[in-house]
Protein backbone atom coordinates (compact mmCIF):
# COMPACT_ATOMS: atom_id res chain seq x y z
CA MET A 1 27.83 6.67 19.95
CA ASN A 2 29.17 9.03 17.31
CA ASP A 3 28.23 8.22 13.72
CA HIS A 4 29.89 10.62 11.26
CA ARG A 5 27.10 10.00 8.73
CA ARG A 6 24.55 11.72 10.97
CA PHE A 7 24.19 15.24 12.31
CA GLY A 8 24.41 14.43 15.98
CA SER A 9 25.57 12.10 18.66
CA LEU A 10 24.22 10.39 21.73
CA ASP A 11 26.03 10.34 25.04
CA ILE A 12 24.64 8.52 28.04
CA VAL A 13 25.51 10.38 31.22
CA ARG A 14 24.41 9.95 34.82
CA THR A 15 22.09 12.77 35.88
CA GLY A 16 24.40 13.88 38.68
CA GLU A 17 27.31 14.17 36.24
CA LEU A 18 25.48 16.13 33.56
CA ASP A 19 26.67 19.61 34.59
CA ALA A 20 30.30 18.46 34.44
CA HIS A 21 29.94 16.72 31.06
CA ARG A 22 32.10 18.20 28.28
CA HIS A 23 29.06 19.37 26.30
CA PHE A 24 27.49 21.19 29.25
CA ALA A 25 30.31 22.28 31.56
CA LEU A 26 30.79 25.70 29.96
CA MET A 27 27.19 26.27 28.93
CA GLY A 28 25.39 29.32 30.27
CA PRO A 29 22.16 29.10 32.24
CA GLU A 30 18.92 27.87 30.73
CA PRO A 31 16.98 31.06 29.88
CA LEU A 32 13.73 29.92 31.51
CA SER A 33 15.43 28.88 34.74
CA ASP A 34 15.70 30.92 37.93
CA ASP A 35 19.48 30.97 37.34
CA PHE A 36 18.99 33.30 34.38
CA ASP A 37 18.32 36.80 35.65
CA ALA A 38 19.66 40.31 35.10
CA ARG A 39 22.45 39.79 37.64
CA ALA A 40 23.66 36.59 35.95
CA LEU A 41 23.51 38.23 32.53
CA HIS A 42 25.33 41.31 33.82
CA ASP A 43 28.08 39.15 35.32
CA ALA A 44 28.48 37.21 32.07
CA LEU A 45 28.64 40.39 29.98
CA LYS A 46 30.56 42.81 32.20
CA LYS A 47 33.85 42.37 30.33
CA ARG A 48 32.37 41.70 26.90
CA SER A 49 32.44 44.54 24.39
CA ALA A 50 31.03 42.46 21.52
CA PRO A 51 27.54 43.36 20.25
CA ILE A 52 24.71 42.17 22.48
CA LYS A 53 23.18 40.02 19.74
CA ALA A 54 26.41 38.04 19.34
CA MET A 55 26.65 37.62 23.10
CA LEU A 56 23.10 36.28 23.39
CA LEU A 57 23.82 33.73 20.66
CA ASN A 58 26.93 32.60 22.55
CA GLN A 59 25.98 29.38 24.36
CA HIS A 60 28.53 30.14 27.10
CA ILE A 61 26.51 33.25 28.04
CA VAL A 62 23.01 31.76 27.90
CA ALA A 63 22.02 28.31 26.65
CA GLY A 64 19.77 27.61 23.73
CA LEU A 65 18.87 31.01 22.30
CA GLY A 66 18.59 31.06 18.54
CA ASN A 67 18.66 33.87 16.01
CA ILE A 68 14.90 34.35 15.75
CA TYR A 69 14.31 34.60 19.49
CA VAL A 70 17.28 36.91 20.04
CA CYS A 71 16.04 39.32 17.34
CA GLU A 72 12.55 39.29 18.82
CA ALA A 73 13.71 39.74 22.44
CA LEU A 74 16.05 42.60 21.56
CA HIS A 75 13.17 44.33 19.79
CA MET A 76 10.84 43.82 22.74
CA ALA A 77 13.49 45.22 25.09
CA GLY A 78 14.22 48.18 22.80
CA ILE A 79 17.93 47.35 22.52
CA ALA A 80 19.82 47.69 19.23
CA PRO A 81 21.52 44.41 18.27
CA THR A 82 24.83 46.21 17.70
CA THR A 83 24.98 47.75 21.18
CA PRO A 84 28.21 46.73 22.94
CA ALA A 85 27.28 44.35 25.74
CA THR A 86 29.22 46.32 28.36
CA ARG A 87 27.17 49.46 27.62
CA ILE A 88 23.80 47.99 28.63
CA SER A 89 22.63 49.14 32.05
CA LYS A 90 21.26 46.77 34.68
CA PRO A 91 17.69 48.12 34.28
CA ARG A 92 17.88 47.48 30.53
CA LEU A 93 19.27 44.00 31.21
CA GLU A 94 16.27 43.34 33.47
CA LYS A 95 13.99 44.33 30.61
CA LEU A 96 15.99 42.13 28.21
CA VAL A 97 15.82 39.08 30.49
CA ALA A 98 12.05 39.54 30.83
CA ALA A 99 11.74 39.87 27.03
CA ILE A 100 13.79 36.70 26.45
CA LYS A 101 11.57 34.75 28.83
CA ASP A 102 8.38 36.22 27.34
CA VAL A 103 9.47 35.41 23.77
CA LEU A 104 10.40 31.84 24.67
CA ILE A 105 7.18 31.22 26.60
CA ALA A 106 5.10 32.59 23.72
CA ALA A 107 7.05 30.54 21.18
CA ILE A 108 6.61 27.34 23.20
CA ALA A 109 2.88 28.01 23.57
CA ALA A 110 2.63 28.50 19.78
CA GLY A 111 4.57 25.33 19.03
CA GLY A 112 7.77 27.10 17.98
CA SER A 113 8.69 28.71 14.70
CA THR A 114 8.23 26.59 11.60
CA LEU A 115 10.88 27.34 9.01
CA ARG A 116 11.01 25.55 5.65
CA ASP A 117 10.00 21.93 6.27
CA PHE A 118 10.19 21.65 10.07
CA ALA A 119 7.38 19.89 11.89
CA ALA A 120 7.09 18.57 15.43
CA PRO A 121 7.18 14.77 15.94
CA ASP A 122 3.39 14.70 15.85
CA GLY A 123 3.38 16.52 12.49
CA GLU A 124 2.17 19.82 13.91
CA LEU A 125 3.71 23.04 12.65
CA GLY A 126 4.89 25.82 14.92
CA TYR A 127 2.84 28.98 14.66
CA PHE A 128 5.03 31.50 16.48
CA ALA A 129 6.12 32.94 13.11
CA LYS A 130 2.69 34.60 12.93
CA ASP A 131 3.67 36.64 16.01
CA TRP A 132 7.10 37.80 14.88
CA LEU A 133 7.52 41.53 15.39
CA VAL A 134 10.73 41.92 13.37
CA TYR A 135 12.23 38.60 12.31
CA GLY A 136 11.80 37.98 8.58
CA ARG A 137 9.85 41.23 8.16
CA GLU A 138 12.41 43.37 6.31
CA GLY A 139 10.68 46.41 4.79
CA ALA A 140 7.42 45.83 6.66
CA ALA A 141 6.24 48.44 9.14
CA CYS A 142 7.19 48.04 12.77
CA HIS A 143 4.39 48.79 15.24
CA CYS A 144 5.91 52.30 15.49
CA GLY A 145 5.53 52.81 11.74
CA ALA A 146 9.23 52.75 10.87
CA PRO A 147 10.44 50.01 8.50
CA VAL A 148 11.95 46.81 9.83
CA LEU A 149 15.57 46.70 8.70
CA ARG A 150 17.85 43.76 7.98
CA ARG A 151 21.61 43.49 8.26
CA ILE A 152 24.03 40.58 8.16
CA ASP A 153 26.11 39.92 11.28
CA SER A 154 28.53 37.00 11.27
CA GLY A 155 26.64 35.45 8.37
CA ARG A 156 23.28 35.67 10.17
CA SER A 157 20.37 37.93 9.32
CA THR A 158 19.55 40.47 11.98
CA PHE A 159 16.12 42.12 11.88
CA TYR A 160 15.47 45.27 13.91
CA CYS A 161 13.76 48.66 14.06
CA ALA A 162 16.17 51.59 14.18
CA LYS A 163 13.47 53.77 15.77
CA CYS A 164 12.43 51.40 18.58
CA GLN A 165 15.82 49.87 19.32
CA LYS A 166 18.49 52.19 20.69
């Protein structure tokens, strides 16, 4: 079904055929799966000179990461969002993968990040926004004391700490 008056579609696919389906065939690994580790991320990035933030938002590299969680994970890993992907060492990628998983697990436990009028199907709001270290905190002090900065990359806000993230 594909109704142009709605923002979505529904495809019914046999479970065994899901990985080959046109919407999933080129998708990167699920970030909370065992398939997503530093080696997989390194392999996906080894020929990519684009900034790491852009690469993490690319669904062909890793599935399902959004702007908030990428900003938070990069901060936790101490990696500047503008760092070329090819310049990140394997030990730093290990730290980044751990940060991505930690951010997602914390966000899920808190019910996600409520923005504007979002609510879960049961009406509950997500409370992860209370734990944001950098996202949406432009001008506020980072835990190191330096101000959280904001820049626009590809039309998206990027929040980071120039002191903590190199």
